[in-house]
Protein backbone atom coordinates (compact mmCIF):
# COMPACT_ATOMS: atom_id res chain seq x y z
CA GLU A 1 105.28 244.99 158.94
CA ALA A 2 106.50 248.01 156.96
CA ILE A 3 103.45 249.82 158.31
CA ALA A 4 104.14 248.87 161.92
CA VAL A 5 107.83 249.78 161.68
CA GLY A 6 107.34 253.06 159.83
CA THR A 7 104.49 254.40 161.94
CA ILE A 8 106.00 253.43 165.28
CA ALA A 9 109.34 254.96 164.33
CA ALA A 10 107.46 258.25 163.94
CA ARG A 11 105.63 258.15 167.27
CA GLN A 12 106.79 259.72 170.53
CA ASP A 13 106.79 258.12 173.97
CA GLN A 14 103.61 259.92 175.06
CA ASP A 15 101.60 258.57 172.12
CA HIS A 16 99.14 255.72 172.55
CA LEU A 17 98.95 252.75 170.19
CA VAL A 18 96.13 250.26 169.72
CA THR A 19 95.76 247.79 166.89
CA ALA A 20 93.74 244.85 165.64
CA TYR A 21 94.63 241.17 165.95
CA ARG A 22 97.65 241.24 163.61
CA ASP A 23 99.85 242.74 166.30
CA HIS A 24 103.16 240.84 166.24
CA GLY A 25 105.01 243.45 164.18
CA HIS A 26 103.70 246.25 166.37
CA ALA A 27 104.84 244.44 169.52
CA LEU A 28 108.37 244.10 168.16
CA ALA A 29 108.43 247.64 166.78
CA VAL A 30 107.56 249.22 170.15
CA GLY A 31 110.53 247.38 171.63
CA LEU A 32 109.12 244.29 173.30
CA PRO A 33 111.82 241.58 173.49
CA THR A 34 111.67 239.09 170.62
CA LYS A 35 111.96 236.13 172.98
CA ASN A 36 108.99 237.26 175.07
CA VAL A 37 106.86 237.91 171.99
CA MET A 38 107.67 234.41 170.73
CA ALA A 39 106.90 232.96 174.15
CA GLU A 40 103.50 234.63 174.12
CA LEU A 41 102.79 233.07 170.72
CA MET A 42 103.46 229.70 172.34
CA GLY A 43 101.34 230.49 175.40
CA LYS A 44 104.29 230.35 177.78
CA ALA A 45 104.57 232.01 181.20
CA THR A 46 107.51 234.12 179.99
CA GLY A 47 105.39 235.74 177.29
CA VAL A 48 104.60 239.46 177.25
CA ALA A 49 101.14 238.69 178.66
CA GLY A 50 102.20 235.75 180.79
CA GLY A 51 100.95 233.31 178.19
CA ARG A 52 97.35 234.41 178.68
CA GLY A 53 97.03 236.83 175.78
CA GLY A 54 98.33 234.74 172.93
CA SER A 55 98.76 235.81 169.33
CA MET A 56 96.04 238.46 169.23
CA HIS A 57 96.63 240.22 172.55
CA MET A 58 100.19 241.49 172.85
CA ALA A 59 100.37 244.57 175.08
CA ASP A 60 102.63 246.68 177.29
CA LYS A 61 101.14 249.51 179.35
CA ASP A 62 104.53 251.12 180.07
CA LYS A 63 105.01 251.64 176.33
CA ARG A 64 101.40 252.77 175.95
CA PHE A 65 100.90 249.85 173.60
CA TRP A 66 97.38 248.81 174.48
CA GLY A 67 97.59 245.76 172.40
CA GLY A 68 96.04 243.70 169.74
CA TYR A 69 92.27 243.45 169.83
CA GLY A 70 90.32 240.42 168.67
CA ILE A 71 86.93 242.04 168.00
CA VAL A 72 87.02 243.53 164.50
CA GLY A 73 86.66 247.30 164.61
CA ALA A 74 85.75 247.56 168.29
CA HIS A 75 89.17 248.88 169.32
CA LEU A 76 88.66 252.08 167.33
CA THR A 77 86.57 253.30 170.25
CA LEU A 78 89.58 252.76 172.53
CA GLY A 79 91.84 254.70 170.19
CA VAL A 80 89.40 257.60 170.27
CA GLY A 81 89.23 257.36 174.07
CA PHE A 82 93.01 257.64 174.41
CA ALA A 83 92.98 260.70 172.16
CA LEU A 84 90.19 262.27 174.22
CA ALA A 85 92.21 261.68 177.40
CA GLU A 86 95.24 263.49 176.00
CA GLN A 87 93.10 266.38 174.77
CA TYR A 88 91.39 266.63 178.15
CA LYS A 89 94.74 266.71 179.97
CA GLY A 90 96.08 269.34 177.60
CA THR A 91 99.14 267.36 176.52
CA ASP A 92 100.62 266.99 173.05
CA GLY A 93 100.10 263.23 173.11
CA ALA A 94 98.25 261.54 170.29
CA SER A 95 96.74 258.17 169.49
CA LEU A 96 97.67 255.78 166.69
CA CYS A 97 94.83 253.40 165.82
CA TYR A 98 95.35 250.58 163.30
CA PHE A 99 92.69 248.49 161.55
CA GLY A 100 92.08 246.65 158.31
CA ASP A 101 89.93 247.58 155.34
CA GLY A 102 87.24 245.15 156.47
CA ALA A 103 86.76 247.06 159.72
CA THR A 104 85.64 250.15 157.81
CA ASN A 105 82.29 248.44 157.23
CA ILE A 106 81.74 248.05 160.98
CA GLY A 107 79.60 250.47 162.98
CA TYR A 108 82.41 251.20 165.46
CA PHE A 109 84.45 252.66 162.60
CA HIS A 110 81.84 255.25 161.67
CA GLU A 111 81.00 256.12 165.27
CA SER A 112 84.69 256.60 166.07
CA LEU A 113 85.48 258.76 163.05
CA ASN A 114 82.41 260.87 163.63
CA LEU A 115 83.21 261.55 167.28
CA ALA A 116 86.89 262.22 166.54
CA GLY A 117 85.84 264.69 163.86
CA VAL A 118 83.27 266.44 166.03
CA TRP A 119 85.73 266.90 168.91
CA ASP A 120 88.90 267.46 166.83
CA LEU A 121 90.70 264.68 168.67
CA PRO A 122 94.45 264.05 168.23
CA ILE A 123 94.25 260.63 166.60
CA VAL A 124 95.78 259.13 163.48
CA PHE A 125 93.55 256.44 161.98
CA ILE A 126 95.75 253.96 160.11
CA CYS A 127 93.86 251.72 157.70
CA GLU A 128 95.92 248.74 156.53
CA ASN A 129 94.23 248.10 153.20
CA ASN A 130 95.53 244.74 151.97
CA LYS A 131 92.79 244.39 149.33
CA TYR A 132 90.96 241.54 151.05
CA GLY A 133 88.77 241.10 154.11
CA MET A 134 89.47 237.44 154.83
CA GLY A 135 88.67 236.05 151.35
CA THR A 136 86.50 238.87 150.01
CA ALA A 137 87.96 241.57 147.76
CA VAL A 138 87.39 245.14 148.94
CA GLU A 139 85.41 245.98 145.80
CA LYS A 140 82.88 243.23 146.59
CA ALA A 141 82.31 244.29 150.19
CA SER A 142 82.53 248.07 150.24
CA ALA A 143 80.48 250.58 148.25
CA ALA A 144 83.44 252.95 148.68
CA PRO A 145 86.53 250.86 147.83
CA GLN A 146 88.84 253.84 148.42
CA MET A 147 89.08 254.00 152.20
CA VAL A 148 90.08 257.68 152.13
CA ASP A 149 86.61 258.51 150.80
CA LYS A 150 85.06 257.18 154.00
CA ALA A 151 87.25 259.47 156.09
CA LYS A 152 86.48 262.48 153.92
CA ALA A 153 82.79 261.93 154.60
CA TYR A 154 83.57 262.98 158.19
CA LYS A 155 85.72 265.89 156.98
CA ILE A 156 88.89 264.19 158.21
CA PRO A 157 92.05 264.89 156.16
CA ALA A 158 92.92 261.62 154.42
CA LYS A 159 95.83 260.39 152.35
CA GLN A 160 96.77 257.18 150.55
CA VAL A 161 100.28 255.93 151.32
CA ASP A 162 102.44 253.17 149.84
CA GLY A 163 102.27 250.80 152.80
CA MET A 164 105.01 248.63 151.32
CA ASP A 165 107.56 251.47 151.55
CA VAL A 166 108.70 251.95 155.15
CA ILE A 167 110.15 255.41 154.44
CA ALA A 168 106.92 256.64 152.84
CA VAL A 169 105.01 255.28 155.83
CA TYR A 170 107.34 257.02 158.28
CA GLU A 171 107.15 260.39 156.54
CA ALA A 172 103.36 260.31 156.21
CA THR A 173 102.94 259.39 159.86
CA GLN A 174 105.30 262.14 160.98
CA LYS A 175 103.20 264.72 159.13
CA ALA A 176 99.93 263.31 160.46
CA LEU A 177 101.16 263.33 164.07
CA ALA A 178 102.51 266.86 163.65
CA ALA A 179 99.05 267.97 162.51
CA CYS A 180 97.50 266.33 165.58
CA ARG A 181 99.93 268.10 167.89
CA LYS A 182 99.09 271.44 166.27
CA GLY A 183 95.43 270.97 167.13
CA LYS A 184 94.32 270.21 163.59
CA GLY A 185 92.22 267.25 164.67
CA PRO A 186 92.14 263.65 163.46
CA GLN A 187 94.09 262.42 160.44
CA PHE A 188 93.50 259.35 158.26
CA LEU A 189 96.16 257.32 156.45
CA GLU A 190 95.14 254.56 154.06
CA MET A 191 98.17 252.28 153.83
CA LEU A 192 98.08 250.31 150.57
CA THR A 193 99.61 246.95 151.36
CA TYR A 194 99.29 243.24 150.64
CA ARG A 195 99.00 240.00 152.58
CA TYR A 196 101.29 237.31 151.18
CA GLU A 197 99.85 234.43 153.18
CA GLY A 198 96.25 233.38 153.73
CA HIS A 199 94.02 234.97 156.35
CA SER A 200 94.64 231.91 158.51
CA ILE A 201 96.47 228.60 158.29
CA GLY A 202 93.46 226.97 156.62
CA ASP A 203 93.12 229.65 153.94
CA ARG A 204 94.38 228.41 150.55
CA THR A 205 93.86 231.87 148.98
CA LYS A 206 91.96 230.51 145.95
CA TYR A 207 90.21 233.87 145.68
CA ARG A 208 93.32 235.46 144.13
CA SER A 209 95.76 234.51 141.39
CA THR A 210 99.38 233.50 141.79
CA THR A 211 100.17 236.17 139.20
CA GLU A 212 98.79 238.85 141.51
CA LEU A 213 100.74 237.51 144.47
CA ASP A 214 103.99 237.21 142.51
CA LYS A 215 103.63 240.77 141.22
CA TRP A 216 103.38 242.16 144.74
CA ARG A 217 106.29 240.03 145.97
CA ASP A 218 108.55 240.87 143.04
CA GLU A 219 107.79 244.57 142.71
CA LYS A 220 106.69 245.80 146.12
CA ASP A 221 108.35 243.69 148.82
CA PRO A 222 109.17 246.18 151.62
CA ILE A 223 112.41 244.53 152.72
CA ALA A 224 113.79 244.33 149.19
CA THR A 225 112.73 247.94 148.55
CA LEU A 226 114.53 249.18 151.66
CA GLN A 227 117.63 247.11 150.94
CA LYS A 228 117.83 248.59 147.44
CA ARG A 229 117.52 252.12 148.79
CA LEU A 230 120.20 251.52 151.45
CA LEU A 231 122.60 250.14 148.84
CA GLU A 232 122.00 252.80 146.22
CA GLU A 233 121.40 255.94 148.27
CA HIS A 234 123.02 255.52 151.68
CA GLY A 235 126.30 253.73 151.08
CA VAL A 236 125.38 250.55 152.92
CA THR A 237 127.32 247.53 151.68
CA GLU A 238 126.04 244.08 150.76
CA ALA A 239 128.21 242.65 153.54
CA GLU A 240 126.48 244.85 156.12
CA LEU A 241 123.05 243.70 154.97
CA ILE A 242 124.14 240.07 155.15
CA ALA A 243 125.43 240.65 158.68
CA ILE A 244 122.10 242.18 159.71
CA GLY A 245 120.29 239.17 158.26
CA LYS A 246 122.48 236.79 160.26
CA ASP A 247 121.89 238.76 163.45
CA VAL A 248 118.14 238.62 162.91
CA GLN A 249 118.24 234.90 162.17
CA HIS A 250 120.21 234.30 165.37
CA GLU A 251 117.80 236.41 167.42
CA VAL A 252 114.80 234.47 166.11
CA GLU A 253 116.47 231.10 166.72
CA GLU A 254 117.29 232.15 170.28
CA ALA A 255 113.70 233.31 170.78
CA VAL A 256 112.41 229.92 169.66
CA ARG A 257 114.85 228.12 171.96
CA PHE A 258 113.89 230.35 174.90
CA SER A 259 110.19 229.80 174.27
CA ASN A 260 110.50 226.04 173.90
CA GLU A 261 112.32 225.86 177.22
CA SER A 262 109.89 228.17 179.04
CA PRO A 263 107.13 226.71 181.25
CA LEU A 264 103.42 226.97 180.68
CA PRO A 265 101.57 229.27 183.11
CA GLY A 266 100.35 227.47 186.21
CA PHE A 267 96.71 227.07 187.12
CA ASP A 268 97.34 229.36 190.09
CA THR A 269 97.77 232.27 187.66
CA LEU A 270 94.39 231.81 186.00
CA TYR A 271 92.81 234.78 187.78
CA ASP A 272 95.83 237.07 187.65
CA HIS A 273 95.50 240.43 185.87
CA ILE A 274 91.71 240.36 185.98
CA TYR A 275 91.02 242.53 189.03
CA PRO A 276 93.16 245.43 190.30
CA ALA A 277 95.26 244.76 193.38
CA ASN A 278 95.27 247.54 196.02
CA GLY A 279 93.71 249.91 193.56
CA GLU A 280 96.40 249.33 190.95
CA VAL A 281 96.05 247.21 187.82
CA ASN A 282 98.83 244.59 187.96
């Protein structure tokens, strides 16, 4: 989530955003209401996609958040398309495209980076490298375990960033977007991060040690890191942090209550949002 928060804080309203199936943090960071995000997770009619998108398909066209995408790597082509559109129109808009380390082994990844490089498109490729593709370590699945090396093969400027530090993420994204707006072509950020939980609810994470997990939690947790910086460098008090925590807890509890009380979508909505109405996508 430090990656979602930091990158989206650096974007401007005209910028497009498309991500993979881990999209909850992005949905909240672009400003979608917590209660409607929660309702979508529960498949309720009050969800951001009317209960039809579910966990992997949060989206909001007004915010240019084109959503989570369930097909690994395929959405990189969309990210490139949005960048091409902005270049064609002559705007200073850019595209932010998120994906995991596992997607870098997919053909769409290489096609997208190649085309973006050939046409100097204004896109920031954001690789969320959490060290594992499902249960397989990066080193066992990729001949180039440093994702930046793959970008450099297409002559795209690439940088590794501490993806567990929201400030580092923000600053790196600001610089990358600025380069895009100056016509310097695509940029690539490899965000070094970690997944605390399993890939899915049935994943017991036996492919990694508890020592490894504890080390990341104890030394790199993004919330603890930010709290420490606020206390030591910005004069924020412990009481203020506690108050923020209580506000967040209340907001989440209210979102759960709202979602539990919301209805499921009716059968009459099954074909909604499939075809455009009167020439406009509804």
